[in-house]
Protein backbone atom coordinates (compact mmCIF):
# COMPACT_ATOMS: atom_id res chain seq x y z
CA UNK A 1 43.72 -33.74 -30.62
CA UNK A 2 46.57 -34.27 -28.16
CA UNK A 3 44.99 -31.80 -25.73
CA UNK A 4 41.77 -33.83 -25.66
CA UNK A 5 43.47 -37.19 -25.17
CA UNK A 6 43.07 -36.97 -21.39
CA UNK A 7 39.31 -37.28 -21.84
CA UNK A 8 39.64 -40.78 -23.31
CA UNK A 9 43.00 -42.15 -22.06
CA UNK A 10 44.88 -42.33 -18.79
CA UNK A 11 47.94 -40.09 -18.96
CA UNK A 12 51.19 -41.35 -17.40
CA UNK A 13 52.63 -39.32 -14.52
CA UNK A 14 55.27 -36.76 -15.43
CA UNK A 15 57.51 -37.74 -12.53
CA UNK A 16 58.20 -41.20 -11.17
CA UNK A 17 59.12 -39.80 -7.75
CA UNK A 18 56.31 -39.93 -5.23
CA UNK A 19 56.07 -36.68 -3.30
CA UNK A 20 55.43 -36.74 0.45
CA UNK A 21 51.95 -35.65 1.60
CA UNK A 22 51.35 -32.17 2.87
CA UNK A 23 51.84 -31.40 6.54
CA UNK A 24 48.14 -30.80 7.09
CA UNK A 25 47.37 -34.22 5.62
CA UNK A 26 49.93 -35.92 7.84
CA UNK A 27 48.45 -34.14 10.87
CA UNK A 28 44.92 -35.31 10.01
CA UNK A 29 46.08 -38.90 9.52
CA UNK A 30 48.10 -38.88 12.73
CA UNK A 31 45.42 -37.24 14.91
CA UNK A 32 42.05 -38.19 13.39
CA UNK A 33 40.07 -38.03 16.63
CA UNK A 34 41.46 -34.61 17.52
CA UNK A 35 40.69 -33.25 14.05
CA UNK A 36 37.16 -34.66 14.14
CA UNK A 37 36.56 -33.17 17.58
CA UNK A 38 37.91 -29.75 16.58
CA UNK A 39 35.87 -29.74 13.38
CA UNK A 40 32.74 -29.92 15.53
CA UNK A 41 33.84 -27.78 18.48
CA UNK A 42 35.10 -24.82 16.45
CA UNK A 43 31.81 -24.26 14.58
CA UNK A 44 29.89 -24.67 17.84
CA UNK A 45 32.04 -22.03 19.56
CA UNK A 46 31.76 -19.68 16.58
CA UNK A 47 27.99 -20.18 16.49
CA UNK A 48 27.66 -19.36 20.19
CA UNK A 49 29.75 -16.21 19.78
CA UNK A 50 27.78 -15.16 16.71
CA UNK A 51 24.39 -15.62 18.33
CA UNK A 52 25.56 -13.74 21.44
CA UNK A 53 26.56 -10.81 19.27
CA UNK A 54 23.23 -10.86 17.44
CA UNK A 55 21.13 -11.11 20.60
CA UNK A 56 23.14 -8.55 22.59
CA UNK A 57 22.96 -5.95 19.81
CA UNK A 58 19.29 -6.54 19.01
CA UNK A 59 17.98 -4.72 22.11
CA UNK A 60 14.52 -5.84 23.19
CA UNK A 61 14.42 -9.10 21.27
CA UNK A 62 11.02 -10.61 20.69
CA UNK A 63 8.25 -11.26 18.21
CA UNK A 64 6.58 -7.90 18.66
CA UNK A 65 9.60 -5.91 17.58
CA UNK A 66 10.28 -8.17 14.62
CA UNK A 67 6.68 -8.47 13.48
CA UNK A 68 6.10 -4.74 13.74
CA UNK A 69 9.11 -3.96 11.58
CA UNK A 70 7.16 -3.71 8.30
CA UNK A 71 4.65 -1.34 9.91
CA UNK A 72 7.47 0.87 11.21
CA UNK A 73 8.98 1.19 7.73
CA UNK A 74 8.71 4.77 6.38
CA UNK A 75 6.71 3.59 3.39
CA UNK A 76 4.29 1.61 5.53
CA UNK A 77 3.84 4.50 7.96
CA UNK A 78 2.31 6.52 5.13
CA UNK A 79 -0.58 4.08 4.87
CA UNK A 80 -2.83 6.59 6.64
CA UNK A 81 -1.63 9.51 4.53
CA UNK A 82 -4.48 9.18 2.08
CA UNK A 83 -7.09 9.27 4.83
CA UNK A 84 -5.48 12.35 6.37
CA UNK A 85 -5.14 13.97 2.97
CA UNK A 86 -8.91 14.01 2.62
CA UNK A 87 -8.99 16.86 5.08
CA UNK A 88 -5.86 18.71 3.98
CA UNK A 89 -7.19 20.29 0.80
CA UNK A 90 -10.41 21.90 2.02
CA UNK A 91 -10.42 21.63 5.79
CA UNK A 92 -7.43 23.97 6.02
CA UNK A 93 -9.39 26.75 4.38
CA UNK A 94 -12.62 26.05 6.24
CA UNK A 95 -10.90 25.74 9.62
CA UNK A 96 -9.69 29.34 9.33
CA UNK A 97 -13.30 30.50 9.59
CA UNK A 98 -15.05 31.00 12.89
CA UNK A 99 -17.66 28.54 14.15
CA UNK A 100 -20.56 30.82 13.25
CA UNK A 101 -19.38 31.10 9.65
CA UNK A 102 -18.94 27.33 9.32
CA UNK A 103 -22.43 26.70 10.63
CA UNK A 104 -23.71 29.32 8.23
CA UNK A 105 -22.03 27.54 5.31
CA UNK A 106 -23.75 24.30 6.24
CA UNK A 107 -27.15 25.97 6.67
CA UNK A 108 -26.90 27.76 3.33
CA UNK A 109 -26.37 24.53 1.40
CA UNK A 110 -27.67 24.08 -1.22
CA UNK A 111 -27.40 27.60 -2.60
CA UNK A 112 -30.70 29.27 -3.56
CA UNK A 113 -29.08 30.59 -6.74
CA UNK A 114 -30.30 29.07 -9.98
CA UNK A 115 -28.14 27.72 -12.76
CA UNK A 116 -28.53 30.73 -15.01
CA UNK A 117 -27.69 33.20 -12.25
CA UNK A 118 -24.66 31.20 -11.17
CA UNK A 119 -23.35 30.93 -14.72
CA UNK A 120 -23.91 34.60 -15.35
CA UNK A 121 -22.13 35.56 -12.16
CA UNK A 122 -19.14 33.30 -12.82
CA UNK A 123 -18.69 34.50 -16.37
CA UNK A 124 -18.73 30.98 -17.79
CA UNK A 125 -19.60 30.32 -21.41
CA UNK A 126 -23.32 29.44 -21.88
CA UNK A 127 -22.59 26.08 -23.52
CA UNK A 128 -20.86 25.00 -20.32
CA UNK A 129 -23.78 25.94 -18.09
CA UNK A 130 -24.95 22.43 -17.35
CA UNK A 131 -21.42 21.20 -16.70
CA UNK A 132 -20.68 24.05 -14.31
CA UNK A 133 -23.99 23.59 -12.52
CA UNK A 134 -23.24 19.90 -11.92
CA UNK A 135 -19.73 20.72 -10.74
CA UNK A 136 -21.06 23.40 -8.39
CA UNK A 137 -23.45 20.95 -6.77
CA UNK A 138 -20.65 18.45 -6.15
CA UNK A 139 -18.31 21.16 -4.90
CA UNK A 140 -20.92 22.37 -2.44
CA UNK A 141 -21.41 18.81 -1.25
CA UNK A 142 -17.67 18.49 -0.67
CA UNK A 143 -17.61 21.73 1.32
CA UNK A 144 -20.57 20.49 3.35
CA UNK A 145 -18.70 17.29 4.20
CA UNK A 146 -15.60 19.20 5.26
CA UNK A 147 -17.72 21.60 7.31
CA UNK A 148 -19.42 18.67 9.00
CA UNK A 149 -16.06 17.07 9.81
CA UNK A 150 -14.77 20.28 11.39
CA UNK A 151 -17.92 20.74 13.47
CA UNK A 152 -17.77 17.14 14.62
CA UNK A 153 -14.13 17.57 15.59
CA UNK A 154 -14.97 20.67 17.64
CA UNK A 155 -17.73 18.86 19.52
CA UNK A 156 -15.80 15.60 19.98
CA UNK A 157 -15.03 16.36 23.61
CA UNK A 158 -18.71 16.61 24.45
CA UNK A 159 -19.47 13.46 22.49
CA UNK A 160 -16.74 11.41 24.18
CA UNK A 161 -18.69 11.19 27.41
CA UNK A 162 -21.86 10.06 25.65
CA UNK A 163 -19.91 7.61 23.55
CA UNK A 164 -18.26 6.22 26.65
CA UNK A 165 -21.65 5.57 28.19
CA UNK A 166 -22.77 4.00 24.93
CA UNK A 167 -19.80 1.64 24.83
CA UNK A 168 -20.08 0.81 28.51
CA UNK A 169 -23.57 -0.41 27.78
CA UNK A 170 -21.96 -2.99 25.51
CA UNK A 171 -23.40 -1.76 22.20
CA UNK A 172 -21.53 -0.94 19.01
CA UNK A 173 -22.91 -0.56 15.51
CA UNK A 174 -22.18 -3.65 13.47
CA UNK A 175 -18.95 -3.49 11.42
CA UNK A 176 -18.39 0.17 12.28
CA UNK A 177 -14.98 -0.32 13.93
CA UNK A 178 -11.80 -1.18 12.04
CA UNK A 179 -10.81 -4.79 12.66
CA UNK A 180 -8.25 -5.44 9.91
CA UNK A 181 -6.62 -3.55 7.07
CA UNK A 182 -5.17 -5.25 4.01
CA UNK A 183 -2.41 -2.99 2.70
CA UNK A 184 -1.22 -3.86 -0.81
CA UNK A 185 1.92 -2.56 -2.49
CA UNK A 186 2.42 -3.25 -6.17
CA UNK A 187 5.59 -3.15 -8.25
CA UNK A 188 5.99 -3.64 -11.97
CA UNK A 189 8.42 -6.46 -12.65
CA UNK A 190 10.40 -4.51 -15.25
CA UNK A 191 12.57 -1.54 -14.30
CA UNK A 192 10.80 0.64 -16.86
CA UNK A 193 7.44 -1.06 -16.33
CA UNK A 194 4.14 0.63 -15.63
CA UNK A 195 1.67 -0.62 -13.03
CA UNK A 196 -1.05 1.23 -14.95
CA UNK A 197 -0.47 -0.39 -18.31
CA UNK A 198 -3.30 -2.33 -19.94
CA UNK A 199 -2.00 -5.58 -18.48
CA UNK A 200 -1.25 -4.01 -15.11
CA UNK A 201 -4.76 -2.59 -14.73
CA UNK A 202 -6.20 -5.96 -15.68
CA UNK A 203 -4.22 -7.67 -12.91
CA UNK A 204 -5.16 -5.00 -10.36
CA UNK A 205 -8.80 -5.40 -11.33
CA UNK A 206 -8.55 -9.15 -10.90
CA UNK A 207 -7.39 -8.72 -7.31
CA UNK A 208 -9.99 -6.04 -6.60
CA UNK A 209 -12.88 -8.14 -7.85
CA UNK A 210 -11.60 -11.21 -5.98
CA UNK A 211 -11.56 -9.30 -2.69
CA UNK A 212 -14.87 -7.44 -2.88
CA UNK A 213 -16.60 -10.24 -4.79
CA UNK A 214 -15.76 -12.95 -2.27
CA UNK A 215 -18.70 -14.78 -0.75
CA UNK A 216 -19.52 -13.12 2.56
CA UNK A 217 -17.57 -9.90 1.89
CA UNK A 218 -20.54 -7.86 3.09
CA UNK A 219 -20.37 -9.64 6.45
CA UNK A 220 -16.80 -8.47 7.10
CA UNK A 221 -16.31 -5.14 5.28
CA UNK A 222 -16.04 -1.90 7.22
CA UNK A 223 -19.34 -0.04 7.08
CA UNK A 224 -20.26 3.56 7.60
CA UNK A 225 -23.03 4.53 9.98
CA UNK A 226 -26.37 6.18 9.35
CA UNK A 227 -28.95 7.60 11.71
CA UNK A 228 -32.46 6.27 11.18
CA UNK A 229 -35.20 7.52 13.52
CA UNK A 230 -32.59 8.53 16.07
CA UNK A 231 -30.87 5.13 15.96
CA UNK A 232 -27.40 4.56 14.54
CA UNK A 233 -27.41 1.73 12.00
CA UNK A 234 -24.79 0.24 9.69
CA UNK A 235 -24.57 1.73 6.21
CA UNK A 236 -22.92 0.52 3.03
CA UNK A 237 -19.48 -1.04 2.80
CA UNK A 238 -16.74 1.57 2.73
CA UNK A 239 -15.13 1.79 -0.73
CA UNK A 240 -11.63 0.48 -1.18
CA UNK A 241 -8.77 2.96 -1.39
CA UNK A 242 -7.53 1.96 -4.82
CA UNK A 243 -5.82 3.57 -7.83
CA UNK A 244 -8.50 1.93 -9.96
CA UNK A 245 -10.84 4.79 -9.03
CA UNK A 246 -8.76 6.97 -11.37
CA UNK A 247 -9.38 4.68 -14.35
CA UNK A 248 -12.88 3.34 -13.69
CA UNK A 249 -16.13 4.99 -12.72
CA UNK A 250 -19.75 5.73 -13.66
CA UNK A 251 -20.67 8.18 -16.44
CA UNK A 252 -20.81 11.00 -13.87
CA UNK A 253 -17.02 10.68 -13.59
CA UNK A 254 -15.59 11.83 -16.90
CA UNK A 255 -11.88 12.79 -17.01
CA UNK A 256 -12.19 13.59 -20.72
CA UNK A 257 -14.32 16.62 -19.78
CA UNK A 258 -11.21 18.34 -18.42
CA UNK A 259 -9.59 20.79 -20.82
CA UNK A 260 -5.89 20.12 -20.24
CA UNK A 261 -4.87 22.96 -22.54
CA UNK A 262 -5.83 25.34 -19.75
CA UNK A 263 -2.49 24.50 -18.15
CA UNK A 264 -0.76 26.10 -21.14
CA UNK A 265 -2.05 29.57 -20.27
CA UNK A 266 0.94 31.85 -19.58
CA UNK A 267 -0.39 32.97 -16.19
CA UNK A 268 -2.23 29.77 -15.25
CA UNK A 269 -0.53 29.41 -11.86
CA UNK A 270 -1.47 32.92 -10.78
CA UNK A 271 -5.07 32.54 -11.91
CA UNK A 272 -5.43 29.13 -10.26
CA UNK A 273 -3.99 30.39 -6.97
CA UNK A 274 -6.40 33.31 -6.97
CA UNK A 275 -9.38 31.10 -7.82
CA UNK A 276 -8.53 28.57 -5.10
CA UNK A 277 -8.24 31.32 -2.50
CA UNK A 278 -11.85 32.32 -3.28
CA UNK A 279 -13.23 28.84 -3.99
CA UNK A 280 -15.18 28.43 -0.74
CA UNK A 281 -16.87 31.78 -1.31
CA UNK A 282 -17.70 30.99 -4.92
CA UNK A 283 -19.37 27.64 -4.29
CA UNK A 284 -21.49 28.63 -1.28
CA UNK A 285 -23.74 31.63 -0.79
CA UNK A 286 -22.03 34.06 -3.15
CA UNK A 287 -24.69 35.68 -5.36
CA UNK A 288 -24.18 37.09 -8.85
CA UNK A 289 -22.82 40.40 -7.61
CA UNK A 290 -20.42 38.65 -5.24
CA UNK A 291 -19.24 36.29 -7.95
CA UNK A 292 -18.73 39.16 -10.34
CA UNK A 293 -16.72 40.96 -7.70
CA UNK A 294 -14.51 37.90 -7.18
CA UNK A 295 -14.04 37.59 -10.93
CA UNK A 296 -13.05 41.24 -11.24
CA UNK A 297 -10.61 40.93 -8.33
CA UNK A 298 -8.94 37.88 -9.88
CA UNK A 299 -8.72 39.58 -13.27
CA UNK A 300 -7.21 42.71 -11.72
CA UNK A 301 -4.79 40.67 -9.64
CA UNK A 302 -3.56 38.41 -12.44
CA UNK A 303 -4.24 40.47 -15.57
CA UNK A 304 -6.21 37.62 -17.16
CA UNK A 305 -9.14 37.92 -19.52
CA UNK A 306 -12.70 36.80 -18.88
CA UNK A 307 -12.17 33.75 -21.08
CA UNK A 308 -9.00 32.72 -19.25
CA UNK A 309 -10.69 33.16 -15.89
CA UNK A 310 -13.68 31.14 -17.08
CA UNK A 311 -11.50 28.26 -18.31
CA UNK A 312 -9.49 28.03 -15.09
CA UNK A 313 -12.62 28.23 -12.94
CA UNK A 314 -14.35 25.55 -15.00
CA UNK A 315 -11.39 23.17 -14.55
CA UNK A 316 -11.26 23.93 -10.82
CA UNK A 317 -14.93 23.10 -10.37
CA UNK A 318 -14.45 19.84 -12.25
CA UNK A 319 -11.47 18.92 -10.09
CA UNK A 320 -13.12 19.74 -6.77
CA UNK A 321 -16.68 18.77 -7.63
CA UNK A 322 -16.19 15.64 -9.75
CA UNK A 323 -12.68 14.22 -9.81
CA UNK A 324 -11.53 14.45 -6.19
CA UNK A 325 -14.73 13.04 -4.63
CA UNK A 326 -14.56 10.03 -6.96
CA UNK A 327 -10.84 9.44 -6.35
CA UNK A 328 -11.38 9.56 -2.60
CA UNK A 329 -14.60 7.62 -2.05
CA UNK A 330 -16.11 6.87 -5.43
CA UNK A 331 -17.63 3.49 -6.22
CA UNK A 332 -16.66 1.66 -9.39
CA UNK A 333 -16.37 -1.75 -10.95
CA UNK A 334 -13.91 -3.08 -13.49
CA UNK A 335 -16.40 -3.55 -16.30
CA UNK A 336 -15.42 -2.29 -19.73
CA UNK A 337 -18.29 0.17 -19.66
CA UNK A 338 -16.73 2.07 -16.74
CA UNK A 339 -13.20 2.16 -18.17
CA UNK A 340 -11.84 5.66 -18.84
CA UNK A 341 -9.26 6.72 -21.40
CA UNK A 342 -5.88 5.65 -20.06
CA UNK A 343 -3.82 8.46 -21.58
CA UNK A 344 -6.38 11.11 -20.59
CA UNK A 345 -6.25 10.06 -16.94
CA UNK A 346 -2.46 9.91 -16.86
CA UNK A 347 -2.19 13.29 -18.53
CA UNK A 348 -4.62 14.79 -16.02
CA UNK A 349 -2.68 13.42 -13.05
CA UNK A 350 0.65 14.53 -14.51
CA UNK A 351 -0.67 18.06 -15.05
CA UNK A 352 -2.02 18.29 -11.51
CA UNK A 353 1.26 17.05 -10.05
CA UNK A 354 3.30 19.52 -12.12
CA UNK A 355 1.26 22.54 -11.01
CA UNK A 356 2.55 24.35 -7.88
CA UNK A 357 -0.83 26.04 -7.43
CA UNK A 358 -2.53 22.63 -7.16
CA UNK A 359 -0.04 21.27 -4.62
CA UNK A 360 -2.75 21.05 -1.90
CA UNK A 361 -4.42 18.37 -4.01
CA UNK A 362 -1.35 16.30 -4.86
CA UNK A 363 -1.85 14.25 -1.70
CA UNK A 364 -4.57 12.41 -3.58
CA UNK A 365 -2.34 11.58 -6.54
CA UNK A 366 0.96 11.01 -4.71
CA UNK A 367 -0.57 8.17 -2.72
CA UNK A 368 -0.98 6.12 -5.90
CA UNK A 369 1.62 7.44 -8.38
CA UNK A 370 5.33 7.13 -7.60
CA UNK A 371 7.82 10.00 -7.53
CA UNK A 372 9.05 9.38 -11.08
CA UNK A 373 5.62 9.94 -12.63
CA UNK A 374 5.56 13.29 -14.44
CA UNK A 375 4.69 14.91 -17.76
CA UNK A 376 7.75 13.49 -19.52
CA UNK A 377 7.53 10.04 -17.92
CA UNK A 378 3.91 9.03 -17.48
CA UNK A 379 4.69 5.66 -15.94
CA UNK A 380 4.36 4.59 -12.34
CA UNK A 381 6.22 1.43 -11.45
CA UNK A 382 4.85 1.43 -7.89
CA UNK A 383 1.36 1.89 -6.51
CA UNK A 384 -0.72 0.73 -3.54
CA UNK A 385 -4.22 0.14 -2.28
CA UNK A 386 -5.99 -0.85 0.93
CA UNK A 387 -9.12 -2.71 1.95
CA UNK A 388 -10.59 -2.26 5.42
CA UNK A 389 -12.64 -4.82 7.33
CA UNK A 390 -14.90 -3.98 10.25
CA UNK A 391 -16.27 -5.30 13.53
CA UNK A 392 -18.27 -6.19 15.57
CA UNK A 393 -19.37 -9.08 13.42
CA UNK A 394 -22.78 -10.70 13.38
CA UNK A 395 -23.44 -12.41 16.69
CA UNK A 396 -21.22 -10.00 18.66
CA UNK A 397 -22.22 -6.79 20.37
CA UNK A 398 -18.84 -5.07 20.75
CA UNK A 399 -15.23 -5.09 19.61
CA UNK A 400 -13.87 -4.00 22.97
CA UNK A 401 -13.25 -6.94 25.28
CA UNK A 402 -10.21 -9.09 24.58
CA UNK A 403 -12.26 -12.28 24.46
CA UNK A 404 -14.73 -11.04 21.84
CA UNK A 405 -11.96 -9.29 19.90
CA UNK A 406 -9.91 -12.49 19.68
CA UNK A 407 -12.92 -14.57 18.65
CA UNK A 408 -13.89 -12.15 15.89
CA UNK A 409 -10.36 -11.92 14.52
CA UNK A 410 -10.19 -15.72 14.50
CA UNK A 411 -13.51 -15.89 12.63
CA UNK A 412 -12.19 -13.37 10.11
CA UNK A 413 -9.02 -15.46 9.63
CA UNK A 414 -11.10 -18.58 9.03
CA UNK A 415 -13.23 -16.78 6.46
CA UNK A 416 -10.12 -15.44 4.71
CA UNK A 417 -8.66 -18.94 4.52
CA UNK A 418 -11.87 -20.69 3.45
CA UNK A 419 -12.45 -18.19 0.65
CA UNK A 420 -8.85 -18.76 -0.50
CA UNK A 421 -8.20 -15.04 -0.60
CA UNK A 422 -4.45 -15.62 -0.54
CA UNK A 423 -4.65 -17.17 -3.99
CA UNK A 424 -5.66 -13.78 -5.38
CA UNK A 425 -2.32 -12.16 -4.50
CA UNK A 426 0.06 -15.11 -4.17
CA UNK A 427 2.65 -15.05 -6.96
CA UNK A 428 4.72 -17.74 -8.64
CA UNK A 429 7.78 -16.59 -6.69
CA UNK A 430 5.99 -17.85 -3.57
CA UNK A 431 5.24 -21.21 -5.12
CA UNK A 432 1.67 -20.43 -6.20
CA UNK A 433 0.10 -20.81 -9.63
CA UNK A 434 -0.29 -17.16 -10.53
CA UNK A 435 -1.57 -14.88 -13.27
CA UNK A 436 0.58 -11.95 -12.12
CA UNK A 437 2.84 -11.21 -15.10
CA UNK A 438 3.09 -7.42 -15.19
CA UNK A 439 2.82 -6.44 -11.52
CA UNK A 440 4.06 -8.11 -8.34
CA UNK A 441 1.84 -7.64 -5.26
CA UNK A 442 3.02 -7.53 -1.66
CA UNK A 443 0.52 -7.51 1.19
CA UNK A 444 0.47 -6.66 4.87
CA UNK A 445 -2.70 -7.65 6.73
CA UNK A 446 -2.67 -6.48 10.33
CA UNK A 447 -4.83 -9.23 11.81
CA UNK A 448 -3.31 -12.01 9.69
CA UNK A 449 0.32 -10.92 10.08
CA UNK A 450 1.47 -13.89 12.16
CA UNK A 451 -0.43 -16.30 9.92
CA UNK A 452 1.24 -14.85 6.81
CA UNK A 453 4.69 -15.03 8.40
CA UNK A 454 4.15 -18.65 9.37
CA UNK A 455 3.16 -19.53 5.81
CA UNK A 456 6.31 -17.84 4.51
CA UNK A 457 8.44 -19.58 7.13
CA UNK A 458 6.99 -22.99 6.28
CA UNK A 459 7.47 -22.46 2.55
CA UNK A 460 11.05 -21.22 2.89
CA UNK A 461 11.82 -23.85 5.51
CA UNK A 462 10.80 -26.64 3.14
CA UNK A 463 12.98 -25.16 0.43
CA UNK A 464 15.88 -24.96 2.87
CA UNK A 465 15.54 -28.63 3.82
CA UNK A 466 15.59 -29.88 0.22
CA UNK A 467 19.32 -29.19 -0.46
CA UNK A 468 20.25 -30.59 2.97
CA UNK A 469 18.44 -33.86 2.27
CA UNK A 470 19.93 -34.09 -1.22
CA UNK A 471 23.48 -33.72 0.06
CA UNK A 472 22.79 -36.28 2.80
CA UNK A 473 21.47 -38.82 0.27
CA UNK A 474 24.29 -38.24 -2.22
CA UNK A 475 26.98 -38.79 0.42
CA UNK A 476 25.21 -41.85 1.77
CA UNK A 477 24.74 -43.44 -1.66
CA UNK A 478 28.23 -42.52 -2.85
CA UNK A 479 30.16 -43.73 0.20
CA UNK A 480 27.77 -46.37 1.50
CA UNK A 481 28.45 -45.08 5.01
CA UNK A 482 25.56 -43.78 7.08
CA UNK A 483 28.06 -42.44 9.62
CA UNK A 484 29.73 -40.20 7.02
CA UNK A 485 26.33 -39.05 5.78
CA UNK A 486 25.29 -37.95 9.28
CA UNK A 487 28.68 -36.32 9.78
CA UNK A 488 28.12 -34.36 6.57
CA UNK A 489 24.66 -33.37 7.79
CA UNK A 490 26.13 -32.14 11.06
CA UNK A 491 28.77 -30.12 9.19
CA UNK A 492 26.06 -28.44 7.12
CA UNK A 493 24.14 -27.38 10.20
CA UNK A 494 27.30 -26.16 11.89
CA UNK A 495 28.32 -24.23 8.79
CA UNK A 496 24.97 -22.44 8.95
CA UNK A 497 25.65 -21.54 12.57
CA UNK A 498 29.17 -20.39 11.68
CA UNK A 499 27.70 -18.11 9.03
CA UNK A 500 25.94 -16.25 11.85
CA UNK A 501 29.36 -15.58 13.40
CA UNK A 502 30.78 -14.32 10.11
CA UNK A 503 27.77 -12.07 9.59
CA UNK A 504 27.65 -10.61 13.10
CA UNK A 505 31.29 -10.86 14.24
CA UNK A 506 33.33 -10.17 11.10
CA UNK A 507 30.95 -8.23 8.85
CA UNK A 508 29.57 -6.33 11.89
CA UNK A 509 25.94 -6.65 10.82
CA UNK A 510 24.23 -6.05 14.16
CA UNK A 511 20.62 -6.59 13.16
CA UNK A 512 19.20 -9.21 10.85
CA UNK A 513 15.63 -9.34 9.63
CA UNK A 514 13.62 -12.51 9.65
CA UNK A 515 13.99 -12.78 5.87
CA UNK A 516 17.78 -12.40 6.06
CA UNK A 517 18.05 -15.30 8.49
CA UNK A 518 16.11 -17.47 6.07
CA UNK A 519 18.38 -16.42 3.21
CA UNK A 520 21.49 -17.74 4.97
CA UNK A 521 20.24 -21.29 4.47
CA UNK A 522 22.16 -21.30 1.18
CA UNK A 523 25.34 -22.06 3.12
CA UNK A 524 23.81 -25.34 4.20
CA UNK A 525 24.56 -26.81 0.79
CA UNK A 526 27.93 -25.04 0.62
CA UNK A 527 28.89 -26.51 3.96
CA UNK A 528 28.80 -30.00 2.52
């Protein structure tokens, strides 16, 4: 009770002798003007030195370098990896053929072989005939697309001149050129969280439907081109590059049809490698005798049985003919009727990633599933997606001249703001009412980059001003002196500037990001 007496009573001093004040106190009392002047001059000098260090070590200092920083990040630079990966798997094999053979492959599509003959030649079980036939058709379509891409690439030099004349005439197909790309990165809030949990998929679907379901989306999406009566016209909106294509799709996309036990075959890797090396031959003009020859060669090379060969080939045709085309460019919606079995999809992706023989196809999965996703740990904390918007817009003929380009980007920004698209990905950490509980989205929109940075700066700036104003009001109300309140305000600002000196001069941090500068505002309250 004696220890708590000081809370209720005034304790007498232990010594009656009054001690002299400290030397620093006597100096302040004796030279108040000098101390006040130095208290302002020293932080100013330190601030000048700190900013000189920051600016001198920053190199070319300007908005372009700072604003382009996120794009130059190694993770962001992989944003085009998925597009390039579309060609890696099959174009590598097709490109090794001569031009005559590639043209022959395109001319021989579709194959004149019937279903029965194909099944007999491949050695597939009769009850899988219809499944194999469907997979063959899709596989041939994929080869045709790759063949077409290679032929177009070879003739691009000849087309450049014609295209230049076409553009000089001031005509571009509507929404056929990329105007803006919305790159989304998602992270599960928990360390052991999964972006593809039930809740995570629901949140990803909410964003997806908000973006493609916005009023006027068809007027701004990137469109493919089609040739009608010799005239190039705009086609359908290009599908989003989204991990949701793994988990949603029409009945023609059925991950449960894949027999994952085929990976347990003792010589699966050898059989798969041999099948993939002959895949182009098998799905094009190879007749029954040719297919039987390929089968015999694979069996002799790997020592597998007819059943083992048939199972591996059937899975390969499903992967190439059904799964990969849907993952790359398949259309889907987030309705419950298109939802696929979650564990089946994850198991399929984990098996593909774990197989060395299927490494040419892991580009498709690695874009969406993080490096920790494997057979033992079927969780992906990180994932990403992208949505592309095209130009020229309605009312414009080209997306070439600076004037028209600026006007169209401004119109796109107005549409984005009026449709309140930011509300779909703005989280509670940014001061927005949000439904994001499992996954945290981050977005980089090329055309709206400056606008997004300004919104962040305004939001963080307001939060930085609040503690400054509170300290100013507290000092003013407590002392009753407006002079002391303004002096305190000045000290806060100078302490912020001095923090730049400590960061750059003492800690030797030579480069500070825009976000780091905003974070230093905490010292404003400390400076009081």
